[in-house]
Amino acid sequence: MLAVVGAVGWLLTPRGLPTGADKESFCGWVDQAMTADDDDTVRKATDNIEDGGVPAGLDGTAAQHGVEVFIDMTASVGAAGRDYWSDQTVADNRTGQDRDDLAAFLYYAYTECGAPSIPSSS
């Protein structure tokens, strides 16, 4: 079910993340969440992702759900994640659809946003 949100006119996905975020802003938030040295900055970055949403290219894709998995995992690891996210096996810490969707998001983050390193594909 899709719903229009506010004057901006973003659409909400069934999972709740708005779409239509500026790719540059989104990539900046992802970079902050992956590399910040303190938990407050990580939390602010993931809040920005939740509030600002995902770029149009991610809406309706597995990678969009992967963003949600990333946000959940980032809440668990905080600033310690700056070493964690460059690990090529990070997606293996999840199972099933979460793992696959997280891998799709991380691939997007590495190829489209220039995140630290490209994970190996399986």
Foldseek 3Di string as FASTA:
>chain_A
DWDADPPVRFIADPVGFTEAADQQLLLVLVQQLQAPQFQVSVLVSLVCCRVRDYYPVCPPHLLSVLNVLVSVVSNVCGNVNNVVLVDLCNLVVDDDSNSVSVLVNSQCSCPVSVPDDRHDDD
